[in-house]
Amino acid sequence: MRLWIAFIAYIILVAPAYAFTEEQFTGEETFTFLNVENYIKDYVDVPEGGTDWKIFATTKEIETYTKTKDGYDNHYSKPEFQPEVQALDGKKIKIKGYMFPLDGAEAQKSFLFGPFPLTCPFQYHVGPPLVIEVHAQKHPVIFDYEPVTIIGTLELVPDDPQYSVFYRLKDAEQVK
């Protein structure tokens, strides 16, 4: 028992000496804060001839406040597309990512798509700049927890007050 008391006293009295002091951080030190797009490469690569998710990450998210037809407040995000993203509008792109299904079917005709795996069944955990709404009506994509590569025609969505969607991939199909 005495040994435990001595150990706890040691922790209480000596441990603060090992804490960082303010003086240690007032010099020439620099800190790098990484954004979520810095981790994309840890989850998906860019397929040959494909589009990099980092291009989509350049889209700025503008908070917008409006009123609905019924007079209710509506708060949503609008995109501010950068020139590199604007150049993709209406073009066929190939991209690799993870599916976020919107229904319980194995063959998905409409789903969300992003660079990170699904971690919550209720919402995708990144903002609109890194989520694509996919429409694969003609060739449904079989749901998979592993990354898949898809192609389709990219449509930029400049204003979606209902869902804050920034991009749609139309006529999408999986690349085998």
N, C-alpha and C. Protein backbone atom coordinates (compact mmCIF):
# COMPACT_ATOMS: atom_id res chain seq x y z
N MET A 1 0.83 -1.19 0.00
CA MET A 1 0.00 0.00 0.00
C MET A 1 0.87 1.25 0.00
N ARG A 2 1.92 1.24 0.80
CA ARG A 2 2.81 2.41 0.86
C ARG A 2 3.46 2.66 -0.50
N LEU A 3 3.74 1.58 -1.20
CA LEU A 3 4.36 1.72 -2.52
C LEU A 3 3.41 2.45 -3.47
N TRP A 4 2.12 2.12 -3.45
CA TRP A 4 1.14 2.79 -4.29
C TRP A 4 1.01 4.26 -3.94
N ILE A 5 0.99 4.57 -2.65
CA ILE A 5 0.89 5.96 -2.22
C ILE A 5 2.11 6.74 -2.70
N ALA A 6 3.27 6.12 -2.59
CA ALA A 6 4.51 6.79 -3.04
C ALA A 6 4.47 7.00 -4.56
N PHE A 7 3.97 6.00 -5.28
CA PHE A 7 3.88 6.12 -6.74
C PHE A 7 2.93 7.24 -7.14
N ILE A 8 1.77 7.31 -6.53
CA ILE A 8 0.79 8.35 -6.84
C ILE A 8 1.35 9.72 -6.48
N ALA A 9 2.02 9.83 -5.34
CA ALA A 9 2.63 11.11 -4.95
C ALA A 9 3.69 11.52 -5.97
N TYR A 10 4.47 10.56 -6.44
CA TYR A 10 5.49 10.84 -7.44
C TYR A 10 4.84 11.40 -8.71
N ILE A 11 3.76 10.74 -9.17
CA ILE A 11 3.07 11.19 -10.38
C ILE A 11 2.53 12.60 -10.21
N ILE A 12 1.92 12.88 -9.08
CA ILE A 12 1.32 14.19 -8.84
C ILE A 12 2.38 15.28 -8.73
N LEU A 13 3.48 14.99 -8.05
CA LEU A 13 4.49 16.01 -7.81
C LEU A 13 5.51 16.17 -8.93
N VAL A 14 5.85 15.09 -9.60
CA VAL A 14 6.93 15.14 -10.58
C VAL A 14 6.41 15.25 -12.02
N ALA A 15 5.29 14.64 -12.33
CA ALA A 15 4.79 14.62 -13.70
C ALA A 15 4.65 16.00 -14.33
N PRO A 16 4.18 17.02 -13.60
CA PRO A 16 4.08 18.33 -14.25
C PRO A 16 5.40 18.86 -14.77
N ALA A 17 6.50 18.39 -14.26
CA ALA A 17 7.80 18.83 -14.75
C ALA A 17 8.02 18.40 -16.19
N TYR A 18 7.32 17.37 -16.61
CA TYR A 18 7.47 16.89 -17.97
C TYR A 18 6.50 17.54 -18.94
N ALA A 19 5.62 18.37 -18.47
CA ALA A 19 4.66 19.05 -19.33
C ALA A 19 5.37 20.11 -20.16
N PHE A 20 4.82 20.43 -21.31
CA PHE A 20 5.40 21.48 -22.13
C PHE A 20 5.19 22.83 -21.48
N THR A 21 6.16 23.67 -21.59
CA THR A 21 6.02 25.02 -21.07
C THR A 21 5.81 25.98 -22.22
N GLU A 22 5.26 27.13 -21.94
CA GLU A 22 5.00 28.12 -22.98
C GLU A 22 6.28 28.54 -23.68
N GLU A 23 7.37 28.60 -22.94
CA GLU A 23 8.63 29.03 -23.53
C GLU A 23 9.09 28.10 -24.65
N GLN A 24 8.71 26.83 -24.58
CA GLN A 24 9.11 25.89 -25.61
C GLN A 24 8.46 26.18 -26.96
N PHE A 25 7.40 26.94 -26.98
CA PHE A 25 6.66 27.18 -28.21
C PHE A 25 6.64 28.64 -28.64
N THR A 26 7.52 29.45 -28.10
CA THR A 26 7.52 30.86 -28.48
C THR A 26 8.67 31.21 -29.41
N GLY A 27 9.47 30.25 -29.78
CA GLY A 27 10.62 30.50 -30.65
C GLY A 27 10.24 30.46 -32.11
N GLU A 28 11.10 29.86 -32.92
CA GLU A 28 10.93 29.81 -34.37
C GLU A 28 10.16 28.57 -34.84
N GLU A 29 9.56 27.84 -33.92
CA GLU A 29 8.87 26.62 -34.30
C GLU A 29 7.70 26.93 -35.23
N THR A 30 7.44 26.00 -36.13
CA THR A 30 6.26 26.12 -36.99
C THR A 30 5.48 24.83 -36.85
N PHE A 31 4.20 24.94 -36.98
CA PHE A 31 3.33 23.78 -36.88
C PHE A 31 2.56 23.64 -38.18
N THR A 32 2.43 22.42 -38.64
CA THR A 32 1.70 22.16 -39.86
C THR A 32 0.39 21.48 -39.50
N PHE A 33 -0.71 22.11 -39.86
CA PHE A 33 -2.02 21.51 -39.66
C PHE A 33 -2.46 20.95 -41.00
N LEU A 34 -2.71 19.66 -41.04
CA LEU A 34 -3.09 19.01 -42.28
C LEU A 34 -4.60 19.02 -42.44
N ASN A 35 -5.04 19.31 -43.63
CA ASN A 35 -6.46 19.24 -43.95
C ASN A 35 -6.80 17.83 -44.38
N VAL A 36 -8.07 17.52 -44.43
CA VAL A 36 -8.52 16.18 -44.76
C VAL A 36 -8.00 15.72 -46.12
N GLU A 37 -7.86 16.63 -47.07
CA GLU A 37 -7.38 16.21 -48.40
C GLU A 37 -5.95 15.68 -48.39
N ASN A 38 -5.19 16.00 -47.33
CA ASN A 38 -3.83 15.48 -47.22
C ASN A 38 -3.81 13.97 -46.93
N TYR A 39 -4.95 13.41 -46.54
CA TYR A 39 -5.02 11.98 -46.19
C TYR A 39 -5.65 11.13 -47.29
N ILE A 40 -6.11 11.73 -48.36
CA ILE A 40 -6.77 10.97 -49.42
C ILE A 40 -5.87 9.86 -49.95
N LYS A 41 -4.61 10.17 -50.16
CA LYS A 41 -3.68 9.18 -50.74
C LYS A 41 -3.53 7.94 -49.85
N ASP A 42 -3.88 8.05 -48.57
CA ASP A 42 -3.83 6.90 -47.67
C ASP A 42 -4.98 5.93 -47.92
N TYR A 43 -6.00 6.36 -48.67
CA TYR A 43 -7.19 5.54 -48.88
C TYR A 43 -7.43 5.15 -50.33
N VAL A 44 -7.21 6.07 -51.24
CA VAL A 44 -7.39 5.76 -52.67
C VAL A 44 -6.28 6.39 -53.49
N ASP A 45 -5.95 5.70 -54.56
CA ASP A 45 -4.99 6.27 -55.50
C ASP A 45 -5.76 6.86 -56.68
N VAL A 46 -5.05 7.54 -57.52
CA VAL A 46 -5.66 8.10 -58.72
C VAL A 46 -5.51 7.05 -59.82
N PRO A 47 -6.64 6.56 -60.37
CA PRO A 47 -6.53 5.55 -61.43
C PRO A 47 -5.88 6.15 -62.67
N GLU A 48 -5.27 5.30 -63.47
CA GLU A 48 -4.63 5.77 -64.70
C GLU A 48 -5.65 6.51 -65.56
N GLY A 49 -5.31 7.74 -65.92
CA GLY A 49 -6.21 8.58 -66.71
C GLY A 49 -7.36 9.15 -65.89
N GLY A 50 -7.28 9.01 -64.56
CA GLY A 50 -8.37 9.45 -63.70
C GLY A 50 -8.19 10.83 -63.13
N THR A 51 -9.19 11.27 -62.40
CA THR A 51 -9.22 12.58 -61.76
C THR A 51 -8.86 12.43 -60.29
N ASP A 52 -8.03 13.33 -59.80
CA ASP A 52 -7.59 13.32 -58.40
C ASP A 52 -8.63 14.03 -57.53
N TRP A 53 -8.95 13.44 -56.39
CA TRP A 53 -9.89 14.05 -55.44
C TRP A 53 -9.41 15.42 -54.97
N LYS A 54 -8.10 15.64 -54.99
CA LYS A 54 -7.59 16.93 -54.53
C LYS A 54 -8.08 18.09 -55.39
N ILE A 55 -8.44 17.81 -56.65
CA ILE A 55 -9.00 18.85 -57.51
C ILE A 55 -10.35 19.29 -56.93
N PHE A 56 -11.18 18.33 -56.53
CA PHE A 56 -12.48 18.66 -55.95
C PHE A 56 -12.33 19.39 -54.62
N ALA A 57 -11.28 19.06 -53.89
CA ALA A 57 -11.05 19.68 -52.58
C ALA A 57 -10.74 21.17 -52.69
N THR A 58 -10.43 21.66 -53.90
CA THR A 58 -10.15 23.09 -54.07
C THR A 58 -11.43 23.92 -54.08
N THR A 59 -12.58 23.27 -54.24
CA THR A 59 -13.86 24.00 -54.24
C THR A 59 -14.11 24.58 -52.87
N LYS A 60 -14.40 25.87 -52.84
CA LYS A 60 -14.68 26.53 -51.56
C LYS A 60 -16.15 26.39 -51.22
N GLU A 61 -16.42 26.24 -49.95
CA GLU A 61 -17.79 26.08 -49.45
C GLU A 61 -18.26 27.42 -48.88
N ILE A 62 -19.31 27.98 -49.47
CA ILE A 62 -19.85 29.27 -49.04
C ILE A 62 -21.16 29.03 -48.28
N GLU A 63 -21.19 29.45 -47.03
CA GLU A 63 -22.41 29.31 -46.22
C GLU A 63 -23.46 30.29 -46.74
N THR A 64 -24.67 29.79 -46.95
CA THR A 64 -25.74 30.59 -47.54
C THR A 64 -26.98 30.52 -46.65
N TYR A 65 -27.60 31.66 -46.47
CA TYR A 65 -28.83 31.75 -45.66
C TYR A 65 -29.94 32.34 -46.53
N THR A 66 -31.04 31.62 -46.66
CA THR A 66 -32.18 32.08 -47.44
C THR A 66 -33.46 31.75 -46.68
N LYS A 67 -34.57 32.04 -47.30
CA LYS A 67 -35.89 31.67 -46.77
C LYS A 67 -36.54 30.73 -47.78
N THR A 68 -37.29 29.77 -47.28
CA THR A 68 -38.04 28.87 -48.16
C THR A 68 -39.30 29.59 -48.63
N LYS A 69 -40.03 28.96 -49.55
CA LYS A 69 -41.29 29.54 -50.03
C LYS A 69 -42.28 29.75 -48.88
N ASP A 70 -42.15 28.90 -47.85
CA ASP A 70 -43.05 28.98 -46.69
C ASP A 70 -42.57 29.97 -45.64
N GLY A 71 -41.42 30.62 -45.89
CA GLY A 71 -40.90 31.61 -44.95
C GLY A 71 -39.96 31.05 -43.88
N TYR A 72 -39.59 29.77 -43.99
CA TYR A 72 -38.66 29.19 -43.02
C TYR A 72 -37.22 29.52 -43.39
N ASP A 73 -36.37 29.60 -42.38
CA ASP A 73 -34.94 29.82 -42.61
C ASP A 73 -34.35 28.59 -43.29
N ASN A 74 -33.45 28.81 -44.23
CA ASN A 74 -32.76 27.73 -44.93
C ASN A 74 -31.28 28.04 -44.94
N HIS A 75 -30.50 27.21 -44.30
CA HIS A 75 -29.05 27.37 -44.22
C HIS A 75 -28.41 26.21 -44.98
N TYR A 76 -27.63 26.52 -45.99
CA TYR A 76 -26.98 25.48 -46.77
C TYR A 76 -25.66 26.00 -47.35
N SER A 77 -24.93 25.12 -48.02
CA SER A 77 -23.64 25.48 -48.61
C SER A 77 -23.74 25.58 -50.12
N LYS A 78 -23.10 26.59 -50.68
CA LYS A 78 -22.99 26.76 -52.13
C LYS A 78 -21.51 26.63 -52.48
N PRO A 79 -21.22 26.12 -53.67
CA PRO A 79 -19.82 25.97 -54.08
C PRO A 79 -19.27 27.23 -54.75
N GLU A 80 -17.98 27.42 -54.58
CA GLU A 80 -17.23 28.39 -55.37
C GLU A 80 -16.17 27.56 -56.09
N PHE A 81 -16.49 27.19 -57.34
CA PHE A 81 -15.62 26.29 -58.11
C PHE A 81 -14.37 27.03 -58.60
N GLN A 82 -13.25 26.36 -58.47
CA GLN A 82 -11.99 26.88 -58.99
C GLN A 82 -11.89 26.52 -60.48
N PRO A 83 -11.06 27.23 -61.25
CA PRO A 83 -10.97 26.99 -62.70
C PRO A 83 -10.67 25.53 -63.06
N GLU A 84 -9.85 24.86 -62.28
CA GLU A 84 -9.52 23.46 -62.57
C GLU A 84 -10.76 22.56 -62.47
N VAL A 85 -11.66 22.88 -61.54
CA VAL A 85 -12.91 22.13 -61.40
C VAL A 85 -13.87 22.52 -62.52
N GLN A 86 -13.97 23.80 -62.81
CA GLN A 86 -14.88 24.28 -63.86
C GLN A 86 -14.55 23.62 -65.21
N ALA A 87 -13.27 23.36 -65.44
CA ALA A 87 -12.86 22.74 -66.70
C ALA A 87 -13.39 21.31 -66.85
N LEU A 88 -13.81 20.69 -65.75
CA LEU A 88 -14.32 19.31 -65.79
C LEU A 88 -15.83 19.24 -66.05
N ASP A 89 -16.51 20.37 -65.96
CA ASP A 89 -17.97 20.38 -66.12
C ASP A 89 -18.37 19.86 -67.51
N GLY A 90 -19.25 18.86 -67.52
CA GLY A 90 -19.73 18.27 -68.77
C GLY A 90 -18.76 17.26 -69.39
N LYS A 91 -17.63 17.02 -68.73
CA LYS A 91 -16.62 16.08 -69.25
C LYS A 91 -16.81 14.70 -68.61
N LYS A 92 -16.41 13.68 -69.35
CA LYS A 92 -16.40 12.33 -68.82
C LYS A 92 -15.15 12.18 -67.95
N ILE A 93 -15.34 11.75 -66.71
CA ILE A 93 -14.20 11.57 -65.81
C ILE A 93 -14.17 10.15 -65.26
N LYS A 94 -13.00 9.76 -64.83
CA LYS A 94 -12.81 8.48 -64.14
C LYS A 94 -12.29 8.82 -62.76
N ILE A 95 -12.86 8.19 -61.73
CA ILE A 95 -12.45 8.50 -60.36
C ILE A 95 -12.61 7.25 -59.48
N LYS A 96 -11.74 7.14 -58.51
CA LYS A 96 -11.76 5.99 -57.60
C LYS A 96 -12.17 6.47 -56.21
N GLY A 97 -13.04 5.71 -55.57
CA GLY A 97 -13.48 6.10 -54.24
C GLY A 97 -14.36 5.05 -53.59
N TYR A 98 -15.03 5.49 -52.54
CA TYR A 98 -15.88 4.61 -51.75
C TYR A 98 -17.35 4.98 -51.92
N MET A 99 -18.18 3.97 -51.94
CA MET A 99 -19.62 4.15 -52.11
C MET A 99 -20.28 4.41 -50.76
N PHE A 100 -21.27 5.30 -50.76
CA PHE A 100 -22.15 5.52 -49.62
C PHE A 100 -23.55 5.26 -50.14
N PRO A 101 -24.09 4.05 -49.89
CA PRO A 101 -25.38 3.69 -50.49
C PRO A 101 -26.52 4.52 -49.91
N LEU A 102 -27.52 4.76 -50.74
CA LEU A 102 -28.68 5.52 -50.31
C LEU A 102 -29.91 4.63 -50.13
N ASP A 103 -29.78 3.34 -50.44
CA ASP A 103 -30.84 2.38 -50.15
C ASP A 103 -30.21 1.03 -49.86
N GLY A 104 -31.03 0.07 -49.52
CA GLY A 104 -30.53 -1.24 -49.10
C GLY A 104 -30.24 -2.21 -50.23
N ALA A 105 -30.41 -1.80 -51.47
CA ALA A 105 -30.19 -2.71 -52.60
C ALA A 105 -28.71 -2.98 -52.81
N GLU A 106 -28.41 -4.17 -53.30
CA GLU A 106 -27.03 -4.49 -53.62
C GLU A 106 -26.56 -3.70 -54.85
N ALA A 107 -27.42 -3.61 -55.85
CA ALA A 107 -27.11 -2.85 -57.07
C ALA A 107 -27.59 -1.42 -56.87
N GLN A 108 -26.65 -0.51 -56.79
CA GLN A 108 -26.95 0.90 -56.50
C GLN A 108 -27.09 1.70 -57.79
N LYS A 109 -28.24 2.38 -57.94
CA LYS A 109 -28.47 3.26 -59.09
C LYS A 109 -28.15 4.71 -58.75
N SER A 110 -28.30 5.07 -57.49
CA SER A 110 -27.96 6.42 -57.00
C SER A 110 -27.28 6.25 -55.65
N PHE A 111 -26.11 6.87 -55.53
CA PHE A 111 -25.36 6.77 -54.28
C PHE A 111 -24.41 7.95 -54.18
N LEU A 112 -23.88 8.14 -53.00
CA LEU A 112 -22.86 9.16 -52.79
C LEU A 112 -21.51 8.49 -52.93
N PHE A 113 -20.51 9.28 -53.29
CA PHE A 113 -19.18 8.74 -53.59
C PHE A 113 -18.14 9.69 -53.04
N GLY A 114 -17.14 9.15 -52.36
CA GLY A 114 -16.11 10.00 -51.79
C GLY A 114 -14.78 9.28 -51.65
N PRO A 115 -13.76 9.99 -51.20
CA PRO A 115 -12.42 9.41 -51.13
C PRO A 115 -12.13 8.61 -49.86
N PHE A 116 -13.08 8.56 -48.93
CA PHE A 116 -12.85 7.87 -47.66
C PHE A 116 -13.89 6.79 -47.44
N PRO A 117 -13.51 5.72 -46.71
CA PRO A 117 -14.47 4.65 -46.46
C PRO A 117 -15.63 5.10 -45.57
N LEU A 118 -16.70 4.38 -45.71
CA LEU A 118 -17.92 4.62 -44.95
C LEU A 118 -17.66 4.30 -43.47
N THR A 119 -17.95 5.24 -42.58
CA THR A 119 -17.76 4.99 -41.15
C THR A 119 -19.04 5.18 -40.36
N CYS A 120 -20.04 5.79 -40.95
CA CYS A 120 -21.31 6.03 -40.27
C CYS A 120 -22.44 5.76 -41.26
N PRO A 121 -23.44 4.97 -40.87
CA PRO A 121 -24.51 4.67 -41.81
C PRO A 121 -25.50 5.82 -42.02
N PHE A 122 -25.36 6.91 -41.27
CA PHE A 122 -26.32 8.00 -41.34
C PHE A 122 -25.83 9.21 -42.13
N GLN A 123 -24.53 9.43 -42.17
CA GLN A 123 -24.02 10.58 -42.92
C GLN A 123 -22.58 10.32 -43.36
N TYR A 124 -22.25 10.93 -44.48
CA TYR A 124 -20.86 10.86 -44.93
C TYR A 124 -20.10 11.91 -44.15
N HIS A 125 -18.92 11.62 -43.71
CA HIS A 125 -18.22 12.45 -42.73
C HIS A 125 -17.32 13.54 -43.32
N VAL A 126 -17.46 13.87 -44.58
CA VAL A 126 -16.72 15.00 -45.16
C VAL A 126 -17.74 15.97 -45.76
N GLY A 127 -17.29 17.18 -46.03
CA GLY A 127 -18.17 18.19 -46.57
C GLY A 127 -18.44 18.02 -48.06
N PRO A 128 -19.33 18.85 -48.58
CA PRO A 128 -19.74 18.75 -49.99
C PRO A 128 -18.61 18.81 -51.01
N PRO A 129 -17.48 19.51 -50.76
CA PRO A 129 -16.44 19.51 -51.79
C PRO A 129 -15.85 18.14 -52.09
N LEU A 130 -16.02 17.18 -51.18
CA LEU A 130 -15.46 15.85 -51.39
C LEU A 130 -16.53 14.76 -51.50
N VAL A 131 -17.71 15.13 -51.96
CA VAL A 131 -18.78 14.14 -52.15
C VAL A 131 -19.39 14.35 -53.54
N ILE A 132 -19.53 13.25 -54.28
CA ILE A 132 -20.16 13.29 -55.59
C ILE A 132 -21.45 12.47 -55.52
N GLU A 133 -22.54 13.04 -56.02
CA GLU A 133 -23.80 12.31 -56.14
C GLU A 133 -23.74 11.55 -57.46
N VAL A 134 -23.83 10.23 -57.40
CA VAL A 134 -23.67 9.39 -58.58
C VAL A 134 -25.02 8.84 -59.03
N HIS A 135 -25.24 8.89 -60.35
CA HIS A 135 -26.45 8.32 -60.97
C HIS A 135 -26.01 7.29 -62.00
N ALA A 136 -26.30 6.02 -61.69
CA ALA A 136 -25.91 4.91 -62.55
C ALA A 136 -27.16 4.14 -62.95
N GLN A 137 -28.10 4.80 -63.60
CA GLN A 137 -29.39 4.21 -63.92
C GLN A 137 -29.28 3.03 -64.90
N LYS A 138 -28.48 3.18 -65.94
CA LYS A 138 -28.37 2.13 -66.96
C LYS A 138 -27.53 0.95 -66.48
N HIS A 139 -26.48 1.24 -65.71
CA HIS A 139 -25.55 0.20 -65.26
C HIS A 139 -25.32 0.34 -63.75
N PRO A 140 -26.26 -0.17 -62.93
CA PRO A 140 -26.09 -0.04 -61.48
C PRO A 140 -24.75 -0.62 -61.02
N VAL A 141 -24.22 -0.02 -59.97
CA VAL A 141 -22.93 -0.44 -59.42
C VAL A 141 -23.20 -1.30 -58.19
N ILE A 142 -22.60 -2.48 -58.15
CA ILE A 142 -22.77 -3.38 -57.01
C ILE A 142 -22.01 -2.79 -55.82
N PHE A 143 -22.73 -2.65 -54.70
CA PHE A 143 -22.12 -2.05 -53.51
C PHE A 143 -20.92 -2.87 -53.05
N ASP A 144 -19.89 -2.15 -52.63
CA ASP A 144 -18.67 -2.77 -52.12
C ASP A 144 -18.08 -1.86 -51.06
N TYR A 145 -17.54 -2.46 -50.00
CA TYR A 145 -16.87 -1.68 -48.96
C TYR A 145 -15.47 -1.25 -49.39
N GLU A 146 -14.95 -1.91 -50.41
CA GLU A 146 -13.63 -1.57 -50.94
C GLU A 146 -13.79 -0.45 -51.97
N PRO A 147 -12.71 0.29 -52.27
CA PRO A 147 -12.83 1.35 -53.28
C PRO A 147 -13.15 0.78 -54.66
N VAL A 148 -13.96 1.53 -55.40
CA VAL A 148 -14.31 1.16 -56.77
C VAL A 148 -13.95 2.33 -57.69
N THR A 149 -13.74 2.02 -58.94
CA THR A 149 -13.47 3.05 -59.95
C THR A 149 -14.70 3.16 -60.83
N ILE A 150 -15.15 4.39 -61.04
CA ILE A 150 -16.31 4.63 -61.88
C ILE A 150 -15.99 5.72 -62.91
N ILE A 151 -16.74 5.69 -63.99
CA ILE A 151 -16.66 6.75 -64.99
C ILE A 151 -18.07 7.30 -65.21
N GLY A 152 -18.13 8.53 -65.62
CA GLY A 152 -19.40 9.16 -65.91
C GLY A 152 -19.17 10.61 -66.29
N THR A 153 -20.25 11.28 -66.63
CA THR A 153 -20.18 12.68 -67.04
C THR A 153 -20.41 13.56 -65.82
N LEU A 154 -19.45 14.43 -65.54
CA LEU A 154 -19.52 15.30 -64.37
C LEU A 154 -20.39 16.52 -64.64
N GLU A 155 -21.29 16.80 -63.72
CA GLU A 155 -22.11 18.01 -63.78
C GLU A 155 -21.85 18.81 -62.50
N LEU A 156 -21.46 20.06 -62.67
CA LEU A 156 -21.29 20.94 -61.52
C LEU A 156 -22.66 21.49 -61.13
N VAL A 157 -22.91 21.54 -59.84
CA VAL A 157 -24.20 22.01 -59.33
C VAL A 157 -23.95 23.31 -58.56
N PRO A 158 -24.23 24.45 -59.17
CA PRO A 158 -23.88 25.73 -58.54
C PRO A 158 -24.76 26.13 -57.36
N ASP A 159 -25.96 25.54 -57.26
CA ASP A 159 -26.85 25.95 -56.17
C ASP A 159 -27.87 24.83 -55.92
N ASP A 160 -27.73 24.16 -54.78
CA ASP A 160 -28.66 23.10 -54.40
C ASP A 160 -29.11 23.34 -52.96
N PRO A 161 -30.15 24.18 -52.78
CA PRO A 161 -30.58 24.53 -51.42
C PRO A 161 -31.15 23.38 -50.61
N GLN A 162 -31.49 22.28 -51.27
CA GLN A 162 -32.07 21.16 -50.52
C GLN A 162 -31.01 20.25 -49.91
N TYR A 163 -29.97 19.89 -50.67
CA TYR A 163 -28.99 18.91 -50.20
C TYR A 163 -27.55 19.40 -50.16
N SER A 164 -27.27 20.58 -50.65
CA SER A 164 -25.89 21.11 -50.74
C SER A 164 -24.99 20.19 -51.56
N VAL A 165 -25.52 19.65 -52.66
CA VAL A 165 -24.72 18.83 -53.57
C VAL A 165 -23.92 19.78 -54.46
N PHE A 166 -22.64 19.51 -54.64
CA PHE A 166 -21.79 20.34 -55.49
C PHE A 166 -21.56 19.69 -56.85
N TYR A 167 -21.59 18.33 -56.91
CA TYR A 167 -21.28 17.61 -58.15
C TYR A 167 -22.22 16.43 -58.34
N ARG A 168 -22.53 16.15 -59.61
CA ARG A 168 -23.27 14.94 -59.96
C ARG A 168 -22.48 14.22 -61.06
N LEU A 169 -22.44 12.92 -60.97
CA LEU A 169 -21.83 12.11 -62.01
C LEU A 169 -22.97 11.34 -62.68
N LYS A 170 -23.26 11.70 -63.92
CA LYS A 170 -24.39 11.11 -64.65
C LYS A 170 -23.91 10.01 -65.57
N ASP A 171 -24.85 9.09 -65.89
CA ASP A 171 -24.55 7.95 -66.76
C ASP A 171 -23.32 7.20 -66.28
N ALA A 172 -23.21 7.05 -64.97
CA ALA A 172 -22.03 6.43 -64.38
C ALA A 172 -22.07 4.91 -64.53
N GLU A 173 -20.89 4.34 -64.59
CA GLU A 173 -20.75 2.88 -64.59
C GLU A 173 -19.40 2.51 -64.00
N GLN A 174 -19.34 1.33 -63.45
CA GLN A 174 -18.12 0.86 -62.80
C GLN A 174 -17.10 0.40 -63.84
N VAL A 175 -15.85 0.74 -63.59
CA VAL A 175 -14.73 0.27 -64.43
C VAL A 175 -14.26 -1.04 -63.82
N LYS A 176 -14.28 -2.08 -64.60
CA LYS A 176 -13.88 -3.41 -64.09
C LYS A 176 -12.38 -3.57 -64.14
